[in-house]
Amino acid sequence: MKRERCWVWFRGGLNQKSHWEGGFYATTDEQEGVLIQHGHYRDTRVPAWRVTQQEPSDPHAAPEIPANAVWKII
């Protein structure tokens, strides 16, 4: 298991743009995806394309979502 600080991609809602949000910890293990943890959110497992360990230069630039993404909402 590996635990690192990370930024997570959030899709915007009615009054908010889509954005990267920092302050999370990501844990990778043998299970699919990445377990993310933050004091203000419930621990959850998300696809790896939603997580980055490097601070994004543009907080509103979307990540590249693979065509065969596991939890892609259509």
N, C-alpha and C. Protein backbone atom coordinates (compact mmCIF):
# COMPACT_ATOMS: atom_id res chain seq x y z
N MET A 1 0.84 -1.19 0.00
CA MET A 1 0.00 0.00 0.00
C MET A 1 0.87 1.24 0.00
N LYS A 2 0.42 2.24 -0.73
CA LYS A 2 1.15 3.50 -0.82
C LYS A 2 0.16 4.63 -0.57
N ARG A 3 0.48 5.54 0.35
CA ARG A 3 -0.42 6.66 0.69
C ARG A 3 0.31 7.96 0.39
N GLU A 4 -0.31 8.83 -0.44
CA GLU A 4 0.29 10.10 -0.84
C GLU A 4 -0.75 11.21 -0.84
N ARG A 5 -0.28 12.44 -0.67
CA ARG A 5 -1.16 13.60 -0.84
C ARG A 5 -1.54 13.69 -2.31
N CYS A 6 -2.77 14.16 -2.59
CA CYS A 6 -3.20 14.24 -3.98
C CYS A 6 -4.27 15.31 -4.18
N TRP A 7 -4.60 15.52 -5.44
CA TRP A 7 -5.70 16.37 -5.88
C TRP A 7 -6.70 15.48 -6.59
N VAL A 8 -7.98 15.77 -6.39
CA VAL A 8 -9.06 14.95 -6.97
C VAL A 8 -9.93 15.82 -7.86
N TRP A 9 -10.32 15.28 -9.02
CA TRP A 9 -11.18 15.99 -9.97
C TRP A 9 -12.65 15.86 -9.56
N PHE A 10 -13.32 17.01 -9.42
CA PHE A 10 -14.75 17.05 -9.11
C PHE A 10 -15.49 17.69 -10.27
N ARG A 11 -16.55 17.04 -10.69
CA ARG A 11 -17.41 17.62 -11.72
C ARG A 11 -18.29 18.66 -11.06
N GLY A 12 -18.43 19.81 -11.67
CA GLY A 12 -19.19 20.91 -11.10
C GLY A 12 -20.67 20.62 -10.98
N GLY A 13 -21.31 21.41 -10.14
CA GLY A 13 -22.75 21.29 -9.95
C GLY A 13 -23.45 22.53 -10.46
N LEU A 14 -24.59 22.83 -9.91
CA LEU A 14 -25.39 23.97 -10.37
C LEU A 14 -24.66 25.30 -10.19
N ASN A 15 -23.99 25.49 -9.07
CA ASN A 15 -23.35 26.78 -8.79
C ASN A 15 -21.84 26.68 -8.69
N GLN A 16 -21.26 25.64 -9.28
CA GLN A 16 -19.83 25.43 -9.16
C GLN A 16 -19.25 24.84 -10.44
N LYS A 17 -18.09 25.35 -10.86
CA LYS A 17 -17.40 24.80 -12.02
C LYS A 17 -16.70 23.51 -11.64
N SER A 18 -16.44 22.66 -12.63
CA SER A 18 -15.63 21.47 -12.40
C SER A 18 -14.23 21.93 -12.02
N HIS A 19 -13.59 21.18 -11.11
CA HIS A 19 -12.29 21.64 -10.62
C HIS A 19 -11.51 20.53 -9.92
N TRP A 20 -10.21 20.77 -9.78
CA TRP A 20 -9.34 19.92 -8.98
C TRP A 20 -9.38 20.44 -7.56
N GLU A 21 -9.45 19.55 -6.59
CA GLU A 21 -9.45 19.96 -5.18
C GLU A 21 -8.36 19.19 -4.45
N GLY A 22 -7.55 19.93 -3.70
CA GLY A 22 -6.44 19.34 -2.95
C GLY A 22 -6.85 18.97 -1.54
N GLY A 23 -5.86 18.52 -0.77
CA GLY A 23 -6.11 18.18 0.63
C GLY A 23 -6.51 16.74 0.85
N PHE A 24 -6.43 15.92 -0.17
CA PHE A 24 -6.80 14.51 -0.06
C PHE A 24 -5.56 13.65 0.11
N TYR A 25 -5.77 12.45 0.60
CA TYR A 25 -4.75 11.42 0.64
C TYR A 25 -5.24 10.28 -0.23
N ALA A 26 -4.35 9.76 -1.08
CA ALA A 26 -4.69 8.65 -1.97
C ALA A 26 -3.92 7.41 -1.53
N THR A 27 -4.61 6.29 -1.47
CA THR A 27 -3.99 5.03 -1.13
C THR A 27 -4.23 4.06 -2.26
N THR A 28 -3.16 3.46 -2.75
CA THR A 28 -3.28 2.45 -3.79
C THR A 28 -2.97 1.09 -3.18
N ASP A 29 -3.69 0.10 -3.64
CA ASP A 29 -3.50 -1.27 -3.17
C ASP A 29 -3.86 -2.22 -4.30
N GLU A 30 -4.12 -3.48 -3.99
CA GLU A 30 -4.41 -4.45 -5.04
C GLU A 30 -5.80 -4.28 -5.64
N GLN A 31 -6.68 -3.52 -5.02
CA GLN A 31 -8.02 -3.29 -5.56
C GLN A 31 -7.99 -2.27 -6.69
N GLU A 32 -9.01 -2.29 -7.51
CA GLU A 32 -9.10 -1.36 -8.63
C GLU A 32 -9.35 0.06 -8.14
N GLY A 33 -8.79 1.04 -8.81
CA GLY A 33 -9.00 2.43 -8.45
C GLY A 33 -8.09 2.88 -7.32
N VAL A 34 -8.43 4.06 -6.77
CA VAL A 34 -7.64 4.69 -5.72
C VAL A 34 -8.58 5.05 -4.56
N LEU A 35 -8.19 4.71 -3.36
CA LEU A 35 -8.97 5.07 -2.18
C LEU A 35 -8.57 6.50 -1.80
N ILE A 36 -9.54 7.43 -1.77
CA ILE A 36 -9.23 8.81 -1.38
C ILE A 36 -9.83 9.09 -0.01
N GLN A 37 -9.10 9.88 0.77
CA GLN A 37 -9.52 10.22 2.12
C GLN A 37 -9.31 11.71 2.36
N HIS A 38 -10.26 12.31 3.07
CA HIS A 38 -10.23 13.73 3.42
C HIS A 38 -11.12 13.90 4.64
N GLY A 39 -10.76 14.80 5.52
CA GLY A 39 -11.53 15.00 6.74
C GLY A 39 -12.95 15.48 6.53
N HIS A 40 -13.25 16.11 5.39
CA HIS A 40 -14.59 16.65 5.13
C HIS A 40 -15.44 15.76 4.23
N TYR A 41 -14.88 14.64 3.78
CA TYR A 41 -15.59 13.75 2.87
C TYR A 41 -15.53 12.32 3.38
N ARG A 42 -16.45 11.51 2.94
CA ARG A 42 -16.45 10.08 3.25
C ARG A 42 -15.34 9.42 2.42
N ASP A 43 -14.63 8.47 3.01
CA ASP A 43 -13.62 7.72 2.27
C ASP A 43 -14.31 7.01 1.11
N THR A 44 -13.68 7.08 -0.06
CA THR A 44 -14.29 6.45 -1.23
C THR A 44 -13.22 6.02 -2.20
N ARG A 45 -13.58 5.11 -3.10
CA ARG A 45 -12.66 4.62 -4.12
C ARG A 45 -13.10 5.23 -5.45
N VAL A 46 -12.15 5.84 -6.14
CA VAL A 46 -12.44 6.50 -7.41
C VAL A 46 -11.49 5.96 -8.48
N PRO A 47 -11.82 6.17 -9.76
CA PRO A 47 -10.92 5.73 -10.82
C PRO A 47 -9.63 6.55 -10.78
N ALA A 48 -8.54 5.95 -11.20
CA ALA A 48 -7.22 6.59 -11.14
C ALA A 48 -7.16 7.87 -11.97
N TRP A 49 -7.94 7.98 -13.05
CA TRP A 49 -7.87 9.18 -13.88
C TRP A 49 -8.38 10.42 -13.15
N ARG A 50 -9.09 10.26 -12.04
CA ARG A 50 -9.60 11.39 -11.27
C ARG A 50 -8.61 11.91 -10.24
N VAL A 51 -7.44 11.27 -10.12
CA VAL A 51 -6.49 11.58 -9.07
C VAL A 51 -5.13 11.93 -9.67
N THR A 52 -4.48 12.96 -9.11
CA THR A 52 -3.11 13.29 -9.51
C THR A 52 -2.31 13.67 -8.27
N GLN A 53 -1.02 13.32 -8.27
CA GLN A 53 -0.16 13.67 -7.15
C GLN A 53 0.53 15.01 -7.36
N GLN A 54 0.45 15.57 -8.58
CA GLN A 54 1.05 16.86 -8.88
C GLN A 54 -0.02 17.93 -8.92
N GLU A 55 0.28 19.08 -8.33
CA GLU A 55 -0.70 20.17 -8.33
C GLU A 55 -0.98 20.61 -9.76
N PRO A 56 -2.24 20.62 -10.18
CA PRO A 56 -2.57 21.04 -11.54
C PRO A 56 -2.27 22.52 -11.76
N SER A 57 -1.72 22.86 -12.93
CA SER A 57 -1.42 24.25 -13.24
C SER A 57 -2.70 25.05 -13.46
N ASP A 58 -3.73 24.41 -13.98
CA ASP A 58 -5.04 25.05 -14.18
C ASP A 58 -6.06 24.24 -13.37
N PRO A 59 -6.61 24.83 -12.30
CA PRO A 59 -7.54 24.08 -11.45
C PRO A 59 -8.85 23.70 -12.12
N HIS A 60 -9.12 24.24 -13.32
CA HIS A 60 -10.38 23.93 -14.01
C HIS A 60 -10.17 23.11 -15.28
N ALA A 61 -8.92 22.72 -15.57
CA ALA A 61 -8.64 21.90 -16.76
C ALA A 61 -8.96 20.45 -16.44
N ALA A 62 -9.84 19.88 -17.22
CA ALA A 62 -10.29 18.50 -16.98
C ALA A 62 -9.19 17.49 -17.29
N PRO A 63 -9.19 16.37 -16.57
CA PRO A 63 -8.23 15.31 -16.88
C PRO A 63 -8.64 14.60 -18.16
N GLU A 64 -7.73 13.83 -18.73
CA GLU A 64 -8.07 13.03 -19.90
C GLU A 64 -8.77 11.76 -19.41
N ILE A 65 -10.00 11.60 -19.82
CA ILE A 65 -10.79 10.44 -19.38
C ILE A 65 -10.69 9.36 -20.45
N PRO A 66 -10.19 8.19 -20.09
CA PRO A 66 -10.05 7.12 -21.08
C PRO A 66 -11.41 6.68 -21.64
N ALA A 67 -11.40 6.22 -22.88
CA ALA A 67 -12.65 5.78 -23.52
C ALA A 67 -13.27 4.61 -22.76
N ASN A 68 -12.45 3.78 -22.16
CA ASN A 68 -12.97 2.62 -21.43
C ASN A 68 -12.89 2.81 -19.93
N ALA A 69 -13.11 4.05 -19.46
CA ALA A 69 -13.04 4.36 -18.04
C ALA A 69 -14.02 3.51 -17.24
N VAL A 70 -13.59 3.06 -16.07
CA VAL A 70 -14.39 2.14 -15.27
C VAL A 70 -15.67 2.79 -14.74
N TRP A 71 -15.56 3.97 -14.10
CA TRP A 71 -16.73 4.59 -13.49
C TRP A 71 -17.17 5.83 -14.25
N LYS A 72 -17.03 5.80 -15.53
CA LYS A 72 -17.43 6.95 -16.34
C LYS A 72 -18.95 7.05 -16.38
N ILE A 73 -19.46 8.24 -16.02
CA ILE A 73 -20.91 8.46 -16.05
C ILE A 73 -21.28 9.00 -17.43
N ILE A 74 -22.22 8.34 -18.07
CA ILE A 74 -22.61 8.74 -19.44
C ILE A 74 -23.85 9.60 -19.37
